[in-house]
Each structure stands twice: as structure tokens, then as C-alpha cells.
N, C-alpha and C. Protein backbone atom coordinates (compact mmCIF):
# COMPACT_ATOMS: atom_id res chain seq x y z
N UNK A 1 131.50 32.30 72.15
CA UNK A 1 133.07 31.52 71.77
C UNK A 1 133.76 31.27 72.88
N UNK A 2 134.06 29.73 72.85
CA UNK A 2 134.42 29.36 73.89
C UNK A 2 135.93 29.65 74.34
N UNK A 3 136.32 29.73 75.68
CA UNK A 3 137.64 30.03 75.96
C UNK A 3 138.69 29.19 75.54
N UNK A 4 139.62 29.70 75.21
CA UNK A 4 140.94 29.09 74.59
C UNK A 4 141.71 28.31 75.81
N UNK A 5 142.34 26.88 75.53
CA UNK A 5 142.90 26.13 76.61
C UNK A 5 144.50 27.06 76.59
N UNK A 6 144.91 27.77 77.95
CA UNK A 6 145.89 28.10 78.12
C UNK A 6 146.64 27.44 79.37
N UNK A 7 147.45 26.30 79.00
CA UNK A 7 148.14 25.48 80.00
C UNK A 7 148.73 26.31 81.13
N UNK A 8 149.34 27.30 81.03
CA UNK A 8 150.09 28.02 82.26
C UNK A 8 149.34 28.44 82.94
N UNK A 9 148.31 29.13 82.36
CA UNK A 9 147.02 29.90 83.15
C UNK A 9 146.17 28.93 84.02
N UNK A 10 145.85 27.75 83.19
CA UNK A 10 145.04 26.81 84.08
C UNK A 10 145.95 26.19 85.38
N UNK A 11 147.37 26.14 85.11
CA UNK A 11 147.94 25.55 86.19
C UNK A 11 148.28 26.68 87.36
N UNK A 12 148.31 27.70 86.98
CA UNK A 12 148.33 28.75 88.21
C UNK A 12 147.16 28.83 88.68
N UNK A 13 146.08 28.87 88.12
CA UNK A 13 144.56 28.94 88.70
C UNK A 13 144.42 27.74 89.59
N UNK A 14 144.90 26.41 88.98
CA UNK A 14 144.75 25.29 89.72
C UNK A 14 145.60 25.44 91.13
N UNK A 15 146.77 25.85 90.97
CA UNK A 15 147.57 26.12 92.18
C UNK A 15 147.03 26.86 93.12
N UNK A 16 146.43 28.22 92.67
CA UNK A 16 145.99 29.04 93.50
C UNK A 16 144.57 28.39 94.18
N UNK A 17 143.94 27.73 93.68
CA UNK A 17 142.54 26.98 94.03
C UNK A 17 143.15 25.94 95.08
N UNK A 18 143.99 25.35 94.98
CA UNK A 18 144.50 24.11 96.07
C UNK A 18 145.21 24.74 97.13
N UNK A 19 145.76 25.93 96.97
CA UNK A 19 146.43 26.58 98.21
C UNK A 19 145.08 27.31 98.86
N UNK A 20 144.14 27.80 98.17
CA UNK A 20 142.78 28.30 99.07
C UNK A 20 142.29 27.21 99.85
N UNK A 21 142.08 25.90 99.19
CA UNK A 21 141.67 24.79 99.91
C UNK A 21 142.21 24.42 101.11
N UNK A 22 143.56 24.30 100.74
CA UNK A 22 144.45 23.95 102.15
C UNK A 22 144.21 24.97 103.10
N UNK A 23 144.11 26.47 102.91
CA UNK A 23 144.16 27.30 103.67
C UNK A 23 142.74 27.06 104.57
N UNK A 24 141.56 26.86 103.85
CA UNK A 24 140.40 26.70 104.13
C UNK A 24 140.34 25.70 105.04
N UNK A 25 140.96 24.44 105.00
CA UNK A 25 141.09 23.07 105.58
C UNK A 25 141.71 23.72 106.93
N UNK A 26 142.70 24.37 106.76
CA UNK A 26 143.57 24.59 108.15
C UNK A 26 142.70 25.58 109.11
N UNK A 27 142.04 26.65 108.39
CA UNK A 27 141.15 27.60 109.04
C UNK A 27 140.02 26.88 109.87
N UNK A 28 139.41 25.86 108.95
CA UNK A 28 138.49 25.03 109.67
C UNK A 28 138.64 23.82 110.59
N UNK A 29 140.28 23.83 111.02
CA UNK A 29 140.62 22.85 111.79
C UNK A 29 140.52 21.65 111.41
N UNK A 30 140.57 21.35 110.10
CA UNK A 30 140.41 19.99 109.48
C UNK A 30 141.95 19.32 109.05
N UNK A 31 142.48 20.13 109.08
CA UNK A 31 143.86 19.91 108.68
C UNK A 31 145.08 20.45 109.98
N UNK A 32 146.05 19.71 110.23
CA UNK A 32 147.14 20.42 111.29
C UNK A 32 148.36 20.55 110.35
N UNK A 33 148.78 21.52 110.08
CA UNK A 33 149.93 21.87 109.34
C UNK A 33 150.98 22.33 110.08
N UNK A 34 150.74 22.05 111.46
CA UNK A 34 151.85 22.92 112.33
C UNK A 34 153.19 22.16 111.85
N UNK A 35 153.31 20.78 111.83
CA UNK A 35 154.65 20.29 111.31
C UNK A 35 155.18 20.58 109.84
N UNK A 36 154.07 21.01 108.96
CA UNK A 36 154.26 20.98 107.45
C UNK A 36 153.72 22.35 106.92
N UNK A 37 154.02 23.62 107.82
CA UNK A 37 153.45 24.60 107.18
C UNK A 37 153.97 25.26 105.85
N UNK A 38 155.40 24.54 105.63
CA UNK A 38 155.80 24.78 104.64
C UNK A 38 155.10 24.45 103.27
N UNK A 39 154.41 23.53 103.38
CA UNK A 39 153.54 22.83 102.14
C UNK A 39 152.61 24.08 101.86
N UNK A 40 152.09 25.06 102.68
CA UNK A 40 151.15 26.10 102.08
C UNK A 40 152.00 27.16 101.65
N UNK A 41 153.25 27.40 102.11
CA UNK A 41 154.19 28.18 101.67
C UNK A 41 154.74 27.85 100.13
N UNK A 42 154.89 26.64 100.01
CA UNK A 42 155.32 26.25 98.81
C UNK A 42 154.27 26.04 97.79
N UNK A 43 152.90 25.78 98.12
CA UNK A 43 152.02 26.05 96.95
C UNK A 43 151.90 27.71 96.67
N UNK A 44 152.07 28.50 97.88
CA UNK A 44 151.95 29.73 97.29
C UNK A 44 153.30 30.14 96.47
N UNK A 45 154.40 29.57 96.82
CA UNK A 45 155.36 30.21 95.84
C UNK A 45 154.99 29.47 94.05
N UNK A 46 154.58 28.44 94.22
CA UNK A 46 154.26 27.81 92.79
C UNK A 46 153.11 28.57 92.19
N UNK A 47 152.18 28.92 93.03
CA UNK A 47 151.05 29.89 92.74
C UNK A 47 151.61 31.07 91.94
N UNK A 48 152.73 31.88 92.51
CA UNK A 48 153.04 33.12 92.34
C UNK A 48 153.89 32.85 90.95
N UNK A 49 154.74 31.82 90.87
CA UNK A 49 155.60 31.57 89.85
C UNK A 49 154.84 31.18 88.64
N UNK A 50 153.82 30.43 88.67
CA UNK A 50 152.81 30.16 87.72
C UNK A 50 152.13 31.24 87.13
N UNK A 51 151.70 32.02 87.91
CA UNK A 51 151.19 33.21 87.51
C UNK A 51 152.02 34.20 86.76
N UNK A 52 153.12 34.26 87.24
CA UNK A 52 154.13 34.91 86.37
C UNK A 52 154.36 34.57 85.09
N UNK A 53 154.60 33.18 85.15
CA UNK A 53 155.13 32.56 83.89
C UNK A 53 153.47 32.65 82.81
N UNK A 54 152.68 32.49 83.52
CA UNK A 54 151.30 32.77 82.42
C UNK A 54 151.20 34.19 81.96
N UNK A 55 151.44 35.11 82.92
CA UNK A 55 151.44 36.32 82.54
C UNK A 55 152.23 36.77 81.41
N UNK A 56 153.48 36.19 81.28
CA UNK A 56 154.73 36.57 80.65
C UNK A 56 154.14 35.85 79.25
N UNK A 57 153.85 34.60 79.12
CA UNK A 57 153.27 33.79 78.10
C UNK A 57 152.07 34.66 77.40
N UNK A 58 151.16 35.28 78.00
CA UNK A 58 150.01 35.75 77.75
C UNK A 58 150.47 37.31 76.95
N UNK A 59 151.38 37.66 77.44
CA UNK A 59 151.99 39.14 77.00
C UNK A 59 152.67 39.07 75.47
N UNK A 60 153.44 37.51 75.72
CA UNK A 60 154.14 37.55 74.41
C UNK A 60 153.11 37.29 73.31
N UNK A 61 152.08 36.68 73.49
CA UNK A 61 150.88 36.06 72.64
C UNK A 61 150.16 37.28 72.16
N UNK A 62 150.00 38.44 73.25
CA UNK A 62 149.36 39.47 72.82
C UNK A 62 147.89 38.83 73.35
N UNK A 63 147.91 38.20 74.12
CA UNK A 63 146.50 37.67 74.60
C UNK A 63 145.64 38.54 75.68
N UNK A 64 144.56 38.98 75.32
CA UNK A 64 143.85 39.68 76.01
C UNK A 64 143.39 39.45 77.66
N UNK A 65 143.75 37.73 77.64
CA UNK A 65 143.43 37.63 79.04
C UNK A 65 144.65 38.08 80.02
N UNK A 66 145.48 38.55 79.57
CA UNK A 66 146.51 39.34 80.28
C UNK A 66 145.86 40.35 81.32
N UNK A 67 145.24 41.00 80.59
CA UNK A 67 144.46 42.23 81.30
C UNK A 67 143.52 41.87 82.52
N UNK A 68 143.09 40.55 82.27
CA UNK A 68 142.10 40.12 83.36
C UNK A 68 142.72 39.42 84.60
N UNK A 69 144.05 39.07 84.12
CA UNK A 69 145.09 38.28 85.02
C UNK A 69 145.67 39.34 85.82
N UNK A 70 146.16 40.65 85.27
CA UNK A 70 146.62 41.52 86.04
C UNK A 70 146.41 41.79 87.57
N UNK A 71 145.08 41.88 87.80
CA UNK A 71 144.57 42.15 89.08
C UNK A 71 145.10 41.10 90.11
N UNK A 72 145.44 40.28 89.99
CA UNK A 72 145.88 39.30 90.78
C UNK A 72 147.47 39.25 91.52
N UNK A 73 148.10 40.38 90.73
CA UNK A 73 149.48 40.78 91.44
C UNK A 73 149.33 41.53 92.63
N UNK A 74 148.32 42.24 92.86
CA UNK A 74 148.23 42.93 94.12
C UNK A 74 148.15 42.27 95.40
N UNK A 75 147.05 41.17 95.39
CA UNK A 75 147.01 40.38 96.45
C UNK A 75 148.10 39.29 96.66
N UNK A 76 148.59 38.92 95.40
CA UNK A 76 149.51 38.05 95.71
C UNK A 76 150.85 38.63 96.24
N UNK A 77 150.96 39.94 95.84
CA UNK A 77 152.40 40.50 96.42
C UNK A 77 151.87 40.96 98.02
N UNK A 78 150.74 40.99 98.39
CA UNK A 78 150.51 41.49 99.74
C UNK A 78 150.29 40.55 100.51
N UNK A 79 149.76 39.49 100.29
CA UNK A 79 149.45 38.48 101.30
C UNK A 79 150.64 37.96 102.07
N UNK A 80 151.70 38.16 101.79
CA UNK A 80 152.78 37.59 102.89
C UNK A 80 152.70 38.71 103.92
N UNK A 81 152.45 39.88 103.80
CA UNK A 81 152.38 40.72 104.73
C UNK A 81 151.13 40.71 105.89
N UNK A 82 150.06 40.06 105.46
CA UNK A 82 148.95 40.03 106.35
C UNK A 82 149.07 38.65 107.24
N UNK A 83 148.88 38.81 108.60
CA UNK A 83 148.87 37.73 109.47
C UNK A 83 148.02 36.51 108.90
N UNK A 84 148.59 35.42 108.89
CA UNK A 84 147.79 34.08 108.41
C UNK A 84 146.45 33.82 109.04
N UNK A 85 146.60 34.44 110.65
CA UNK A 85 145.44 34.06 111.59
C UNK A 85 144.33 35.22 111.50
N UNK A 86 144.45 36.12 110.26
CA UNK A 86 143.62 37.24 110.24
C UNK A 86 142.62 36.86 109.27
N UNK A 87 141.45 37.73 109.40
CA UNK A 87 140.60 37.78 108.50
C UNK A 87 140.77 38.27 107.35
N UNK A 88 141.66 39.24 107.46
CA UNK A 88 141.98 40.22 106.36
C UNK A 88 143.07 39.23 105.43
N UNK A 89 143.70 38.17 105.71
CA UNK A 89 144.51 37.26 105.20
C UNK A 89 143.68 36.52 104.19
N UNK A 90 142.51 35.92 104.59
CA UNK A 90 141.44 35.43 103.93
C UNK A 90 141.00 35.86 102.94
N UNK A 91 140.66 37.26 103.20
CA UNK A 91 140.03 38.06 102.20
C UNK A 91 140.69 38.42 101.18
N UNK A 92 141.98 38.83 101.53
CA UNK A 92 142.96 39.00 100.51
C UNK A 92 143.32 38.01 99.52
N UNK A 93 143.49 37.04 100.10
CA UNK A 93 143.63 35.81 99.07
C UNK A 93 142.28 35.48 98.40
N UNK A 94 141.15 35.70 98.79
CA UNK A 94 140.08 35.17 97.99
C UNK A 94 139.94 36.30 96.86
N UNK A 95 140.24 37.73 97.19
CA UNK A 95 140.01 38.66 96.17
C UNK A 95 140.90 38.38 94.78
N UNK A 96 141.59 37.49 94.78
CA UNK A 96 142.10 37.27 93.47
C UNK A 96 141.26 36.38 92.79
N UNK A 97 140.43 35.63 93.63
CA UNK A 97 139.85 34.63 92.50
C UNK A 97 138.90 34.85 91.41
N UNK A 98 138.08 36.28 91.44
CA UNK A 98 137.40 36.77 90.29
C UNK A 98 138.10 36.88 89.26
N UNK A 99 139.75 37.51 89.27
CA UNK A 99 140.60 37.78 88.07
C UNK A 99 141.12 36.32 87.70
N UNK A 100 141.29 35.53 88.37
CA UNK A 100 141.80 33.99 87.83
C UNK A 100 140.69 33.61 86.75
N UNK A 101 139.35 33.42 87.44
CA UNK A 101 138.22 32.95 86.61
C UNK A 101 138.02 33.92 85.40
N UNK A 102 138.33 35.23 85.44
CA UNK A 102 138.00 36.15 84.24
C UNK A 102 139.02 35.73 83.01
N UNK A 103 139.99 35.59 83.59
CA UNK A 103 141.30 35.17 82.68
C UNK A 103 140.98 33.95 81.85
N UNK A 104 140.67 33.16 82.83
CA UNK A 104 140.57 31.76 82.25
C UNK A 104 139.10 31.74 81.26
N UNK A 105 138.13 32.62 81.37
CA UNK A 105 137.08 32.51 80.59
C UNK A 105 137.18 33.49 79.50
N UNK A 106 138.42 34.20 79.10
CA UNK A 106 138.53 35.12 78.26
C UNK A 106 138.52 34.59 76.98
N UNK A 107 137.79 34.89 76.01
CA UNK A 107 137.92 34.30 74.41
C UNK A 107 138.94 34.58 73.73
N UNK A 108 139.38 33.58 73.14
CA UNK A 108 140.27 34.11 72.09
C UNK A 108 141.57 34.76 72.39
N UNK A 109 142.62 34.93 71.53
CA UNK A 109 143.94 35.56 71.92
C UNK A 109 143.83 36.88 70.76
N UNK A 110 144.59 37.92 71.33
CA UNK A 110 144.70 39.16 70.72
C UNK A 110 143.48 39.97 70.84
């Protein structure tokens, strides 16, 4: 059975992917964000808000994708407390990827 299109979940996952790509580019020294560090922070806030909205929508619908999305809450809550220059920051951020992917691939509602 194919996955159901869930616009808020898709937007949250896309925002997460964009932020990971931006972080990777900065870490690889391909992008200088010294003057615009706020962009990375703004995309993080967007990711958190979109993920919360997606979770609320999934909960209201009784969509089982919610249970696959819930594990992203811990890394999203903890990442601001890890130094952005640490390996732990990167690993913590990447730890959310499997949950976003699993939620997107969860078939049907209910």
C-alpha cells in the first residue's frame, strides 16, 4: 500500500532536510554563514513548528504515522543544548532522520 500524502509532514521533513544540508555545507566549509547564522536558526524553528503542526494534525486524524514521528521530539528538543561545532550536534541532528522517513512511509490513516 503506498504512503498517504500528508502536506504538513512533508513540509516538516523538507525543512529538516534543508537544515541538515545547510549544516553539512557549513561543516564542510562550503558556505560561510558567519553573517547569516540566523538562517540556520530560522530553518530550525521552521522545522520544529512544522513538525509540531504535523504531529497535531496526525493526532487529530488518528493517523498511525504519528507514532513513527514522535521520536523526532527528543533530538529537536535537545539539539539547541549541544555545541554546533561538536560531533554530538551532528549526530543528534541526524538521529531524527529515520523517524521522519518512517513517518512519511507509513501507509494509510488509522
